PDB file of N, CA and C in Angstrom:
ATOM      1  N   MET A   1     -10.557  -1.091  -9.642  1.00  0.00           N
ATOM      2  CA  MET A   1     -10.684  -0.797  -8.234  1.00  0.00           C
ATOM      3  C   MET A   1      -9.948   0.500  -7.955  1.00  0.00           C
ATOM      4  N   ASP A   2     -10.598   1.394  -7.260  1.00  0.00           N
ATOM      5  CA  ASP A   2      -9.962   2.638  -6.869  1.00  0.00           C
ATOM      6  C   ASP A   2      -9.419   2.465  -5.455  1.00  0.00           C
ATOM      7  N   LEU A   3      -8.129   2.581  -5.302  1.00  0.00           N
ATOM      8  CA  LEU A   3      -7.471   2.370  -4.013  1.00  0.00           C
ATOM      9  C   LEU A   3      -7.162   3.688  -3.323  1.00  0.00           C
ATOM     10  N   GLU A   4      -7.993   4.685  -3.572  1.00  0.00           N
ATOM     11  CA  GLU A   4      -7.751   6.038  -3.079  1.00  0.00           C
ATOM     12  C   GLU A   4      -7.440   6.069  -1.585  1.00  0.00           C
ATOM     13  N   LYS A   5      -8.208   5.373  -0.775  1.00  0.00           N
ATOM     14  CA  LYS A   5      -8.022   5.405   0.680  1.00  0.00           C
ATOM     15  C   LYS A   5      -6.945   4.429   1.154  1.00  0.00           C
ATOM     16  N   ALA A   6      -6.516   3.511   0.287  1.00  0.00           N
ATOM     17  CA  ALA A   6      -5.522   2.521   0.690  1.00  0.00           C
ATOM     18  C   ALA A   6      -4.207   3.168   1.078  1.00  0.00           C
ATOM     19  N   PHE A   7      -3.854   4.273   0.440  1.00  0.00           N
ATOM     20  CA  PHE A   7      -2.609   4.983   0.718  1.00  0.00           C
ATOM     21  C   PHE A   7      -2.527   5.369   2.200  1.00  0.00           C
ATOM     22  N   ASP A   8      -3.680   5.686   2.783  1.00  0.00           N
ATOM     23  CA  ASP A   8      -3.738   6.118   4.179  1.00  0.00           C
ATOM     24  C   ASP A   8      -3.860   4.968   5.158  1.00  0.00           C
ATOM     25  N   ARG A   9      -3.928   3.740   4.667  1.00  0.00           N
ATOM     26  CA  ARG A   9      -4.188   2.595   5.542  1.00  0.00           C
ATOM     27  C   ARG A   9      -3.067   1.564   5.577  1.00  0.00           C
ATOM     28  N   VAL A  10      -1.964   1.807   4.945  1.00  0.00           N
ATOM     29  CA  VAL A  10      -0.892   0.810   4.895  1.00  0.00           C
ATOM     30  C   VAL A  10      -0.154   0.774   6.239  1.00  0.00           C
ATOM     31  N   PRO A  11      -0.222  -0.355   6.957  1.00  0.00           N
ATOM     32  CA  PRO A  11       0.502  -0.461   8.223  1.00  0.00           C
ATOM     33  C   PRO A  11       2.015  -0.485   8.002  1.00  0.00           C
ATOM     34  N   LYS A  12       2.746   0.007   8.990  1.00  0.00           N
ATOM     35  CA  LYS A  12       4.218   0.030   8.904  1.00  0.00           C
ATOM     36  C   LYS A  12       4.786  -1.368   8.678  1.00  0.00           C
ATOM     37  N   GLU A  13       4.180  -2.359   9.319  1.00  0.00           N
ATOM     38  CA  GLU A  13       4.681  -3.733   9.201  1.00  0.00           C
ATOM     39  C   GLU A  13       4.548  -4.259   7.768  1.00  0.00           C
ATOM     40  N   VAL A  14       3.517  -3.804   7.060  1.00  0.00           N
ATOM     41  CA  VAL A  14       3.324  -4.232   5.671  1.00  0.00           C
ATOM     42  C   VAL A  14       4.395  -3.610   4.776  1.00  0.00           C
ATOM     43  N   ILE A  15       4.788  -2.387   5.081  1.00  0.00           N
ATOM     44  CA  ILE A  15       5.876  -1.744   4.315  1.00  0.00           C
ATOM     45  C   ILE A  15       7.157  -2.556   4.486  1.00  0.00           C
ATOM     46  N   ARG A  16       7.477  -2.907   5.728  1.00  0.00           N
ATOM     47  CA  ARG A  16       8.684  -3.702   6.005  1.00  0.00           C
ATOM     48  C   ARG A  16       8.617  -5.046   5.288  1.00  0.00           C
ATOM     49  N   TRP A  17       7.464  -5.738   5.380  1.00  0.00           N
ATOM     50  CA  TRP A  17       7.288  -7.031   4.719  1.00  0.00           C
ATOM     51  C   TRP A  17       7.481  -6.900   3.212  1.00  0.00           C
ATOM     52  N   ALA A  18       6.896  -5.858   2.611  1.00  0.00           N
ATOM     53  CA  ALA A  18       6.967  -5.681   1.153  1.00  0.00           C
ATOM     54  C   ALA A  18       8.407  -5.463   0.702  1.00  0.00           C
ATOM     55  N   LEU A  19       9.149  -4.643   1.421  1.00  0.00           N
ATOM     56  CA  LEU A  19      10.535  -4.389   1.032  1.00  0.00           C
ATOM     57  C   LEU A  19      11.372  -5.661   1.118  1.00  0.00           C
ATOM     58  N   ARG A  20      11.124  -6.474   2.143  1.00  0.00           N
ATOM     59  CA  ARG A  20      11.836  -7.756   2.250  1.00  0.00           C
ATOM     60  C   ARG A  20      11.411  -8.697   1.129  1.00  0.00           C
ATOM     61  N   LYS A  21      10.128  -8.767   0.858  1.00  0.00           N
ATOM     62  CA  LYS A  21       9.606  -9.656  -0.192  1.00  0.00           C
ATOM     63  C   LYS A  21      10.211  -9.322  -1.552  1.00  0.00           C
ATOM     64  N   LEU A  22      10.414  -8.027  -1.808  1.00  0.00           N
ATOM     65  CA  LEU A  22      10.964  -7.605  -3.097  1.00  0.00           C
ATOM     66  C   LEU A  22      12.484  -7.685  -3.149  1.00  0.00           C
ATOM     67  N   GLY A  23      13.109  -8.094  -2.033  1.00  0.00           N
ATOM     68  CA  GLY A  23      14.547  -8.305  -2.023  1.00  0.00           C
ATOM     69  C   GLY A  23      15.375  -7.046  -1.864  1.00  0.00           C
ATOM     70  N   ASP A  24      14.800  -6.004  -1.287  1.00  0.00           N
ATOM     71  CA  ASP A  24      15.586  -4.786  -1.053  1.00  0.00           C
ATOM     72  C   ASP A  24      16.703  -5.066  -0.058  1.00  0.00           C
ATOM     73  N   GLU A  25      17.747  -4.288  -0.155  1.00  0.00           N
ATOM     74  CA  GLU A  25      18.897  -4.447   0.720  1.00  0.00           C
ATOM     75  C   GLU A  25      18.471  -4.312   2.181  1.00  0.00           C
ATOM     76  N   GLU A  26      19.003  -5.166   3.023  1.00  0.00           N
ATOM     77  CA  GLU A  26      18.615  -5.188   4.437  1.00  0.00           C
ATOM     78  C   GLU A  26      18.965  -3.882   5.150  1.00  0.00           C
ATOM     79  N   TRP A  27      20.043  -3.206   4.736  1.00  0.00           N
ATOM     80  CA  TRP A  27      20.424  -1.949   5.385  1.00  0.00           C
ATOM     81  C   TRP A  27      19.402  -0.846   5.121  1.00  0.00           C
ATOM     82  N   LEU A  28      18.615  -0.998   4.051  1.00  0.00           N
ATOM     83  CA  LEU A  28      17.632   0.016   3.697  1.00  0.00           C
ATOM     84  C   LEU A  28      16.408  -0.003   4.621  1.00  0.00           C
ATOM     85  N   LEU A  29      16.072  -1.173   5.136  1.00  0.00           N
ATOM     86  CA  LEU A  29      14.870  -1.308   5.963  1.00  0.00           C
ATOM     87  C   LEU A  29      14.866  -0.389   7.185  1.00  0.00           C
ATOM     88  N   PRO A  30      15.924  -0.372   8.000  1.00  0.00           N
ATOM     89  CA  PRO A  30      15.892   0.537   9.158  1.00  0.00           C
ATOM     90  C   PRO A  30      15.785   2.000   8.750  1.00  0.00           C
ATOM     91  N   ALA A  31      16.418   2.374   7.652  1.00  0.00           N
ATOM     92  CA  ALA A  31      16.359   3.766   7.197  1.00  0.00           C
ATOM     93  C   ALA A  31      14.926   4.143   6.813  1.00  0.00           C
ATOM     94  N   VAL A  32      14.243   3.267   6.086  1.00  0.00           N
ATOM     95  CA  VAL A  32      12.860   3.535   5.692  1.00  0.00           C
ATOM     96  C   VAL A  32      11.951   3.514   6.914  1.00  0.00           C
ATOM     97  N   MET A  33      12.106   2.515   7.767  1.00  0.00           N
ATOM     98  CA  MET A  33      11.232   2.389   8.923  1.00  0.00           C
ATOM     99  C   MET A  33      11.446   3.532   9.914  1.00  0.00           C
ATOM    100  N   PHE A  34      12.644   4.100   9.953  1.00  0.00           N
ATOM    101  CA  PHE A  34      12.910   5.246  10.832  1.00  0.00           C
ATOM    102  C   PHE A  34      11.996   6.421  10.484  1.00  0.00           C
ATOM    103  N   MET A  35      11.700   6.575   9.187  1.00  0.00           N
ATOM    104  CA  MET A  35      10.809   7.666   8.762  1.00  0.00           C
ATOM    105  C   MET A  35       9.405   7.488   9.329  1.00  0.00           C
ATOM    106  N   TYR A  36       9.023   6.246   9.617  1.00  0.00           N
ATOM    107  CA  TYR A  36       7.676   5.961  10.091  1.00  0.00           C
ATOM    108  C   TYR A  36       7.609   5.734  11.598  1.00  0.00           C
ATOM    109  N   THR A  37       8.733   5.798  12.283  1.00  0.00           N
ATOM    110  CA  THR A  37       8.763   5.604  13.719  1.00  0.00           C
ATOM    111  C   THR A  37       8.624   6.951  14.418  1.00  0.00           C
ATOM    112  N   GLY A  38       7.609   7.064  15.245  1.00  0.00           N
ATOM    113  CA  GLY A  38       7.405   8.290  16.010  1.00  0.00           C
ATOM    114  C   GLY A  38       6.943   9.479  15.183  1.00  0.00           C
ATOM    115  N   ALA A  39       6.442   9.232  13.977  1.00  0.00           N
ATOM    116  CA  ALA A  39       5.965  10.331  13.140  1.00  0.00           C
ATOM    117  C   ALA A  39       4.746  10.974  13.803  1.00  0.00           C
ATOM    118  N   LYS A  40       4.681  12.283  13.733  1.00  0.00           N
ATOM    119  CA  LYS A  40       3.590  13.029  14.361  1.00  0.00           C
ATOM    120  C   LYS A  40       2.945  13.954  13.335  1.00  0.00           C
ATOM    121  N   ILE A  41       1.701  14.324  13.620  1.00  0.00           N
ATOM    122  CA  ILE A  41       0.961  15.203  12.721  1.00  0.00           C
ATOM    123  C   ILE A  41       0.261  16.286  13.528  1.00  0.00           C
ATOM    124  N   VAL A  42       0.208  17.465  12.944  1.00  0.00           N
ATOM    125  CA  VAL A  42      -0.552  18.584  13.492  1.00  0.00           C
ATOM    126  C   VAL A  42      -1.399  19.130  12.353  1.00  0.00           C
ATOM    127  N   VAL A  43      -2.675  19.328  12.605  1.00  0.00           N
ATOM    128  CA  VAL A  43      -3.568  19.894  11.599  1.00  0.00           C
ATOM    129  C   VAL A  43      -3.627  21.400  11.825  1.00  0.00           C
ATOM    130  N   ARG A  44      -3.292  22.143  10.791  1.00  0.00           N
ATOM    131  CA  ARG A  44      -3.272  23.599  10.865  1.00  0.00           C
ATOM    132  C   ARG A  44      -4.517  24.152  10.194  1.00  0.00           C
ATOM    133  N   THR A  45      -5.288  24.974  10.921  1.00  0.00           N
ATOM    134  CA  THR A  45      -6.499  25.595  10.366  1.00  0.00           C
ATOM    135  C   THR A  45      -6.460  27.091  10.645  1.00  0.00           C
ATOM    136  N   VAL A  46      -7.451  27.803  10.138  1.00  0.00           N
ATOM    137  CA  VAL A  46      -7.532  29.246  10.388  1.00  0.00           C
ATOM    138  C   VAL A  46      -7.816  29.530  11.862  1.00  0.00           C
ATOM    139  N   TYR A  47      -8.328  28.528  12.575  1.00  0.00           N
ATOM    140  CA  TYR A  47      -8.644  28.691  13.995  1.00  0.00           C
ATOM    141  C   TYR A  47      -7.503  28.273  14.914  1.00  0.00           C
ATOM    142  N   GLY A  48      -6.410  27.828  14.339  1.00  0.00           N
ATOM    143  CA  GLY A  48      -5.256  27.407  15.128  1.00  0.00           C
ATOM    144  C   GLY A  48      -4.857  25.986  14.793  1.00  0.00           C
ATOM    145  N   ASN A  49      -3.898  25.481  15.520  1.00  0.00           N
ATOM    146  CA  ASN A  49      -3.375  24.139  15.294  1.00  0.00           C
ATOM    147  C   ASN A  49      -4.019  23.135  16.239  1.00  0.00           C
ATOM    148  N   SER A  50      -4.158  21.912  15.760  1.00  0.00           N
ATOM    149  CA  SER A  50      -4.664  20.829  16.604  1.00  0.00           C
ATOM    150  C   SER A  50      -3.547  20.355  17.524  1.00  0.00           C
ATOM    151  N   ASN A  51      -3.905  19.489  18.444  1.00  0.00           N
ATOM    152  CA  ASN A  51      -2.890  18.852  19.274  1.00  0.00           C
ATOM    153  C   ASN A  51      -2.063  17.903  18.411  1.00  0.00           C
ATOM    154  N   CYS A  52      -0.854  17.661  18.827  1.00  0.00           N
ATOM    155  CA  CYS A  52       0.049  16.764  18.108  1.00  0.00           C
ATOM    156  C   CYS A  52      -0.409  15.320  18.328  1.00  0.00           C
ATOM    157  N   SER A  53      -0.510  14.545  17.241  1.00  0.00           N
ATOM    158  CA  SER A  53      -0.914  13.144  17.313  1.00  0.00           C
ATOM    159  C   SER A  53       0.097  12.279  16.596  1.00  0.00           C
ATOM    160  N   GLU A  54       0.300  11.083  17.105  1.00  0.00           N
ATOM    161  CA  GLU A  54       1.206  10.142  16.459  1.00  0.00           C
ATOM    162  C   GLU A  54       0.515   9.494  15.260  1.00  0.00           C
ATOM    163  N   VAL A  55       1.254   9.357  14.152  1.00  0.00           N
ATOM    164  CA  VAL A  55       0.749   8.676  12.958  1.00  0.00           C
ATOM    165  C   VAL A  55       1.119   7.206  13.099  1.00  0.00           C
ATOM    166  N   ARG A  56       0.109   6.354  13.196  1.00  0.00           N
ATOM    167  CA  ARG A  56       0.370   4.935  13.418  1.00  0.00           C
ATOM    168  C   ARG A  56       0.226   4.094  12.165  1.00  0.00           C
ATOM    169  N   VAL A  57      -0.465   4.620  11.175  1.00  0.00           N
ATOM    170  CA  VAL A  57      -0.719   3.850   9.959  1.00  0.00           C
ATOM    171  C   VAL A  57      -0.797   4.812   8.779  1.00  0.00           C
ATOM    172  N   GLY A  58      -0.447   4.311   7.595  1.00  0.00           N
ATOM    173  CA  GLY A  58      -0.553   5.114   6.386  1.00  0.00           C
ATOM    174  C   GLY A  58       0.784   5.649   5.899  1.00  0.00           C
ATOM    175  N   MET A  59       0.813   5.938   4.618  1.00  0.00           N
ATOM    176  CA  MET A  59       1.982   6.543   4.003  1.00  0.00           C
ATOM    177  C   MET A  59       2.003   8.034   4.335  1.00  0.00           C
ATOM    178  N   HIS A  60       3.193   8.593   4.407  1.00  0.00           N
ATOM    179  CA  HIS A  60       3.311  10.026   4.679  1.00  0.00           C
ATOM    180  C   HIS A  60       2.834  10.822   3.479  1.00  0.00           C
ATOM    181  N   GLN A  61       1.908  11.731   3.714  1.00  0.00           N
ATOM    182  CA  GLN A  61       1.404  12.583   2.655  1.00  0.00           C
ATOM    183  C   GLN A  61       2.470  13.607   2.274  1.00  0.00           C
ATOM    184  N   GLY A  62       2.714  13.764   0.997  1.00  0.00           N
ATOM    185  CA  GLY A  62       3.665  14.756   0.522  1.00  0.00           C
ATOM    186  C   GLY A  62       5.113  14.298   0.497  1.00  0.00           C
ATOM    187  N   SER A  63       5.408  13.104   0.983  1.00  0.00           N
ATOM    188  CA  SER A  63       6.772  12.588   0.974  1.00  0.00           C
ATOM    189  C   SER A  63       7.108  12.050  -0.413  1.00  0.00           C
ATOM    190  N   ALA A  64       8.297  12.354  -0.885  1.00  0.00           N
ATOM    191  CA  ALA A  64       8.718  11.888  -2.211  1.00  0.00           C
ATOM    192  C   ALA A  64       8.846  10.365  -2.259  1.00  0.00           C
ATOM    193  N   SER A  65       9.106   9.723  -1.116  1.00  0.00           N
ATOM    194  CA  SER A  65       9.280   8.273  -1.101  1.00  0.00           C
ATOM    195  C   SER A  65       7.963   7.505  -1.001  1.00  0.00           C
ATOM    196  N   SER A  66       6.884   8.153  -0.583  1.00  0.00           N
ATOM    197  CA  SER A  66       5.623   7.450  -0.350  1.00  0.00           C
ATOM    198  C   SER A  66       5.047   6.767  -1.589  1.00  0.00           C
ATOM    199  N   PRO A  67       5.003   7.416  -2.758  1.00  0.00           N
ATOM    200  CA  PRO A  67       4.463   6.705  -3.932  1.00  0.00           C
ATOM    201  C   PRO A  67       5.274   5.451  -4.281  1.00  0.00           C
ATOM    202  N   LEU A  68       6.586   5.526  -4.157  1.00  0.00           N
ATOM    203  CA  LEU A  68       7.421   4.357  -4.438  1.00  0.00           C
ATOM    204  C   LEU A  68       7.168   3.251  -3.419  1.00  0.00           C
ATOM    205  N   LEU A  69       7.048   3.614  -2.158  1.00  0.00           N
ATOM    206  CA  LEU A  69       6.776   2.609  -1.131  1.00  0.00           C
ATOM    207  C   LEU A  69       5.397   1.975  -1.346  1.00  0.00           C
ATOM    208  N   PHE A  70       4.405   2.778  -1.721  1.00  0.00           N
ATOM    209  CA  PHE A  70       3.070   2.246  -1.972  1.00  0.00           C
ATOM    210  C   PHE A  70       3.096   1.273  -3.152  1.00  0.00           C
ATOM    211  N   GLU A  71       3.778   1.628  -4.207  1.00  0.00           N
ATOM    212  CA  GLU A  71       3.896   0.729  -5.366  1.00  0.00           C
ATOM    213  C   GLU A  71       4.640  -0.547  -4.985  1.00  0.00           C
ATOM    214  N   SER A  72       5.633  -0.432  -4.094  1.00  0.00           N
ATOM    215  CA  SER A  72       6.345  -1.621  -3.622  1.00  0.00           C
ATOM    216  C   SER A  72       5.407  -2.547  -2.856  1.00  0.00           C
ATOM    217  N   VAL A  73       4.562  -1.982  -2.007  1.00  0.00           N
ATOM    218  CA  VAL A  73       3.583  -2.777  -1.263  1.00  0.00           C
ATOM    219  C   VAL A  73       2.632  -3.478  -2.231  1.00  0.00           C
ATOM    220  N   MET A  74       2.117  -2.741  -3.211  1.00  0.00           N
ATOM    221  CA  MET A  74       1.180  -3.327  -4.165  1.00  0.00           C
ATOM    222  C   MET A  74       1.849  -4.425  -5.006  1.00  0.00           C
ATOM    223  N   GLU A  75       3.086  -4.215  -5.398  1.00  0.00           N
ATOM    224  CA  GLU A  75       3.803  -5.231  -6.175  1.00  0.00           C
ATOM    225  C   GLU A  75       4.030  -6.486  -5.335  1.00  0.00           C
ATOM    226  N   ALA A  76       4.433  -6.323  -4.086  1.00  0.00           N
ATOM    227  CA  ALA A  76       4.648  -7.482  -3.214  1.00  0.00           C
ATOM    228  C   ALA A  76       3.347  -8.242  -2.990  1.00  0.00           C
ATOM    229  N   LEU A  77       2.247  -7.525  -2.794  1.00  0.00           N
ATOM    230  CA  LEU A  77       0.955  -8.190  -2.631  1.00  0.00           C
ATOM    231  C   LEU A  77       0.572  -8.951  -3.888  1.00  0.00           C
ATOM    232  N   SER A  78       0.817  -8.358  -5.051  1.00  0.00           N
ATOM    233  CA  SER A  78       0.431  -9.024  -6.298  1.00  0.00           C
ATOM    234  C   SER A  78       1.244 -10.289  -6.530  1.00  0.00           C
ATOM    235  N   ARG A  79       2.461 -10.316  -6.054  1.00  0.00           N
ATOM    236  CA  ARG A  79       3.289 -11.517  -6.205  1.00  0.00           C
ATOM    237  C   ARG A  79       2.783 -12.671  -5.329  1.00  0.00           C
ATOM    238  N   GLU A  80       2.015 -12.345  -4.303  1.00  0.00           N
ATOM    239  CA  GLU A  80       1.510 -13.366  -3.396  1.00  0.00           C
ATOM    240  C   GLU A  80       0.481 -14.271  -4.051  1.00  0.00           C
ATOM    241  N   PHE A  81      -0.280 -13.770  -4.983  1.00  0.00           N
ATOM    242  CA  PHE A  81      -1.321 -14.615  -5.568  1.00  0.00           C
ATOM    243  C   PHE A  81      -1.458 -14.422  -7.066  1.00  0.00           C
ATOM    244  N   ARG A  82      -0.355 -14.508  -7.761  1.00  0.00           N
ATOM    245  CA  ARG A  82      -0.403 -14.476  -9.225  1.00  0.00           C
ATOM    246  C   ARG A  82      -0.881 -15.816  -9.750  1.00  0.00           C
ATOM    247  N   HIS A  83      -1.691 -15.752 -10.785  1.00  0.00           N
ATOM    248  CA  HIS A  83      -2.187 -16.956 -11.457  1.00  0.00           C
ATOM    249  C   HIS A  83      -1.832 -16.823 -12.932  1.00  0.00           C
ATOM    250  N   ALA A  84      -1.758 -17.956 -13.595  1.00  0.00           N
ATOM    251  CA  ALA A  84      -1.406 -17.937 -15.017  1.00  0.00           C
ATOM    252  C   ALA A  84      -2.413 -17.140 -15.842  1.00  0.00           C
ATOM    253  N   SER A  85      -3.685 -17.163 -15.436  1.00  0.00           N
ATOM    254  CA  SER A  85      -4.705 -16.492 -16.237  1.00  0.00           C
ATOM    255  C   SER A  85      -5.051 -15.096 -15.717  1.00  0.00           C
ATOM    256  N   GLN A  86      -4.313 -14.601 -14.780  1.00  0.00           N
ATOM    257  CA  GLN A  86      -4.658 -13.306 -14.194  1.00  0.00           C
ATOM    258  C   GLN A  86      -3.653 -12.240 -14.601  1.00  0.00           C
ATOM    259  N   TRP A  87      -4.173 -11.119 -15.027  1.00  0.00           N
ATOM    260  CA  TRP A  87      -3.340  -9.960 -15.301  1.00  0.00           C
ATOM    261  C   TRP A  87      -3.819  -8.828 -14.427  1.00  0.00           C
ATOM    262  N   LYS A  88      -2.942  -7.920 -14.144  1.00  0.00           N
ATOM    263  CA  LYS A  88      -3.306  -6.743 -13.382  1.00  0.00           C
ATOM    264  C   LYS A  88      -2.483  -5.575 -13.864  1.00  0.00           C
ATOM    265  N   LEU A  89      -3.064  -4.405 -13.744  1.00  0.00           N
ATOM    266  CA  LEU A  89      -2.378  -3.162 -14.050  1.00  0.00           C
ATOM    267  C   LEU A  89      -2.439  -2.295 -12.808  1.00  0.00           C
ATOM    268  N   LEU A  90      -1.295  -1.846 -12.351  1.00  0.00           N
ATOM    269  CA  LEU A  90      -1.226  -0.960 -11.195  1.00  0.00           C
ATOM    270  C   LEU A  90      -0.739   0.397 -11.655  1.00  0.00           C
ATOM    271  N   CYS A  91      -1.459   1.413 -11.274  1.00  0.00           N
ATOM    272  CA  CYS A  91      -1.042   2.771 -11.594  1.00  0.00           C
ATOM    273  C   CYS A  91      -1.483   3.677 -10.459  1.00  0.00           C
ATOM    274  N   ALA A  92      -0.526   4.181  -9.706  1.00  0.00           N
ATOM    275  CA  ALA A  92      -0.801   5.049  -8.560  1.00  0.00           C
ATOM    276  C   ALA A  92      -1.783   4.341  -7.627  1.00  0.00           C
ATOM    277  N   ASP A  93      -2.984   4.893  -7.443  1.00  0.00           N
ATOM    278  CA  ASP A  93      -3.945   4.274  -6.531  1.00  0.00           C
ATOM    279  C   ASP A  93      -5.089   3.586  -7.271  1.00  0.00           C
ATOM    280  N   ASP A  94      -4.820   3.124  -8.483  1.00  0.00           N
ATOM    281  CA  ASP A  94      -5.819   2.393  -9.261  1.00  0.00           C
ATOM    282  C   ASP A  94      -5.302   0.997  -9.577  1.00  0.00           C
ATOM    283  N   LEU A  95      -6.209   0.035  -9.575  1.00  0.00           N
ATOM    284  CA  LEU A  95      -5.883  -1.347  -9.876  1.00  0.00           C
ATOM    285  C   LEU A  95      -6.897  -1.857 -10.889  1.00  0.00           C
ATOM    286  N   VAL A  96      -6.406  -2.428 -11.978  1.00  0.00           N
ATOM    287  CA  VAL A  96      -7.267  -3.054 -12.973  1.00  0.00           C
ATOM    288  C   VAL A  96      -6.926  -4.536 -12.980  1.00  0.00           C
ATOM    289  N   VAL A  97      -7.942  -5.379 -12.783  1.00  0.00           N
ATOM    290  CA  VAL A  97      -7.764  -6.828 -12.801  1.00  0.00           C
ATOM    291  C   VAL A  97      -8.458  -7.350 -14.048  1.00  0.00           C
ATOM    292  N   ILE A  98      -7.763  -8.203 -14.800  1.00  0.00           N
ATOM    293  CA  ILE A  98      -8.276  -8.713 -16.065  1.00  0.00           C
ATOM    294  C   ILE A  98      -8.301 -10.237 -16.002  1.00  0.00           C
ATOM    295  N   ALA A  99      -9.418 -10.816 -16.416  1.00  0.00           N
ATOM    296  CA  ALA A  99      -9.523 -12.274 -16.489  1.00  0.00           C
ATOM    297  C   ALA A  99      -9.464 -12.690 -17.952  1.00  0.00           C
ATOM    298  N   GLU A 100      -8.995 -13.900 -18.187  1.00  0.00           N
ATOM    299  CA  GLU A 100      -8.774 -14.373 -19.539  1.00  0.00           C
ATOM    300  C   GLU A 100     -10.059 -14.629 -20.318  1.00  0.00           C
ATOM    301  N   SER A 101     -11.076 -15.257 -19.696  1.00  0.00           N
ATOM    302  CA  SER A 101     -12.196 -15.667 -20.528  1.00  0.00           C
ATOM    303  C   SER A 101     -13.596 -15.421 -19.965  1.00  0.00           C
ATOM    304  N   SER A 102     -13.798 -15.456 -18.676  1.00  0.00           N
ATOM    305  CA  SER A 102     -15.174 -15.423 -18.183  1.00  0.00           C
ATOM    306  C   SER A 102     -15.382 -14.371 -17.102  1.00  0.00           C
ATOM    307  N   SER A 103     -16.637 -14.003 -16.921  1.00  0.00           N
ATOM    308  CA  SER A 103     -16.963 -13.064 -15.847  1.00  0.00           C
ATOM    309  C   SER A 103     -16.745 -13.728 -14.490  1.00  0.00           C
ATOM    310  N   GLN A 104     -16.911 -15.055 -14.430  1.00  0.00           N
ATOM    311  CA  GLN A 104     -16.655 -15.776 -13.183  1.00  0.00           C
ATOM    312  C   GLN A 104     -15.179 -15.665 -12.797  1.00  0.00           C
ATOM    313  N   GLY A 105     -14.307 -15.786 -13.787  1.00  0.00           N
ATOM    314  CA  GLY A 105     -12.871 -15.638 -13.525  1.00  0.00           C
ATOM    315  C   GLY A 105     -12.542 -14.243 -13.043  1.00  0.00           C
ATOM    316  N   LEU A 106     -13.185 -13.271 -13.635  1.00  0.00           N
ATOM    317  CA  LEU A 106     -12.967 -11.884 -13.224  1.00  0.00           C
ATOM    318  C   LEU A 106     -13.460 -11.657 -11.803  1.00  0.00           C
ATOM    319  N   LYS A 107     -14.630 -12.202 -11.479  1.00  0.00           N
ATOM    320  CA  LYS A 107     -15.155 -12.074 -10.108  1.00  0.00           C
ATOM    321  C   LYS A 107     -14.219 -12.743  -9.107  1.00  0.00           C
ATOM    322  N   LYS A 108     -13.707 -13.915  -9.465  1.00  0.00           N
ATOM    323  CA  LYS A 108     -12.796 -14.633  -8.570  1.00  0.00           C
ATOM    324  C   LYS A 108     -11.514 -13.828  -8.349  1.00  0.00           C
ATOM    325  N   ASN A 109     -10.914 -13.349  -9.437  1.00  0.00           N
ATOM    326  CA  ASN A 109      -9.670 -12.585  -9.331  1.00  0.00           C
ATOM    327  C   ASN A 109      -9.881 -11.284  -8.560  1.00  0.00           C
ATOM    328  N   SER A 110     -10.982 -10.594  -8.838  1.00  0.00           N
ATOM    329  CA  SER A 110     -11.280  -9.351  -8.122  1.00  0.00           C
ATOM    330  C   SER A 110     -11.530  -9.629  -6.651  1.00  0.00           C
ATOM    331  N   GLY A 111     -12.222 -10.732  -6.381  1.00  0.00           N
ATOM    332  CA  GLY A 111     -12.489 -11.112  -4.995  1.00  0.00           C
ATOM    333  C   GLY A 111     -11.215 -11.398  -4.222  1.00  0.00           C
ATOM    334  N   GLU A 112     -10.266 -12.079  -4.851  1.00  0.00           N
ATOM    335  CA  GLU A 112      -8.982 -12.357  -4.190  1.00  0.00           C
ATOM    336  C   GLU A 112      -8.252 -11.065  -3.856  1.00  0.00           C
ATOM    337  N   TRP A 113      -8.226 -10.134  -4.804  1.00  0.00           N
ATOM    338  CA  TRP A 113      -7.593  -8.837  -4.545  1.00  0.00           C
ATOM    339  C   TRP A 113      -8.293  -8.113  -3.405  1.00  0.00           C
ATOM    340  N   HIS A 114      -9.620  -8.105  -3.432  1.00  0.00           N
ATOM    341  CA  HIS A 114     -10.387  -7.407  -2.413  1.00  0.00           C
ATOM    342  C   HIS A 114     -10.079  -7.964  -1.027  1.00  0.00           C
ATOM    343  N   ILE A 115     -10.106  -9.268  -0.895  1.00  0.00           N
ATOM    344  CA  ILE A 115      -9.830  -9.901   0.404  1.00  0.00           C
ATOM    345  C   ILE A 115      -8.427  -9.602   0.865  1.00  0.00           C
ATOM    346  N   THR A 116      -7.452  -9.730  -0.030  1.00  0.00           N
ATOM    347  CA  THR A 116      -6.063  -9.469   0.331  1.00  0.00           C
ATOM    348  C   THR A 116      -5.870  -8.026   0.776  1.00  0.00           C
ATOM    349  N   LEU A 117      -6.444  -7.101   0.039  1.00  0.00           N
ATOM    350  CA  LEU A 117      -6.300  -5.680   0.394  1.00  0.00           C
ATOM    351  C   LEU A 117      -6.977  -5.374   1.719  1.00  0.00           C
ATOM    352  N   MET A 118      -8.122  -5.970   1.971  1.00  0.00           N
ATOM    353  CA  MET A 118      -8.821  -5.722   3.238  1.00  0.00           C
ATOM    354  C   MET A 118      -8.035  -6.278   4.407  1.00  0.00           C
ATOM    355  N   LEU A 119      -7.383  -7.432   4.221  1.00  0.00           N
ATOM    356  CA  LEU A 119      -6.602  -8.025   5.292  1.00  0.00           C
ATOM    357  C   LEU A 119      -5.302  -7.258   5.565  1.00  0.00           C
ATOM    358  N   CYS A 120      -4.679  -6.760   4.515  1.00  0.00           N
ATOM    359  CA  CYS A 120      -3.368  -6.133   4.648  1.00  0.00           C
ATOM    360  C   CYS A 120      -3.433  -4.627   4.857  1.00  0.00           C
ATOM    361  N   LEU A 121      -4.430  -3.988   4.298  1.00  0.00           N
ATOM    362  CA  LEU A 121      -4.510  -2.543   4.380  1.00  0.00           C
ATOM    363  C   LEU A 121      -5.675  -2.198   5.244  1.00  0.00           C
TER     364      LEU A 121
END
């Protein structure tokens, strides 16, 4: 599964939930969430700048912390529905789901990931 657009769709509340789920220090949450509170964007073109808009969802593009936060979200989501026969590989914005024996198992595992990602992202 290519999660290319998922990076832009992660709600702030999911970031907070993921950090808590992974057991990060409670003092860290306000510091991370502060980066996402009141964030604004301006699009710069050769014709001038756009109006300033508030960023309500998604990881900050170009931020050094965004890839780590995205991986934290994906890890927390994967912990929600691990099965003995399910393996997954996460790398940046790609997800590989592996089933132990059958195509039906693979369809089921992929379907669970798809539903979870659609609900959360």
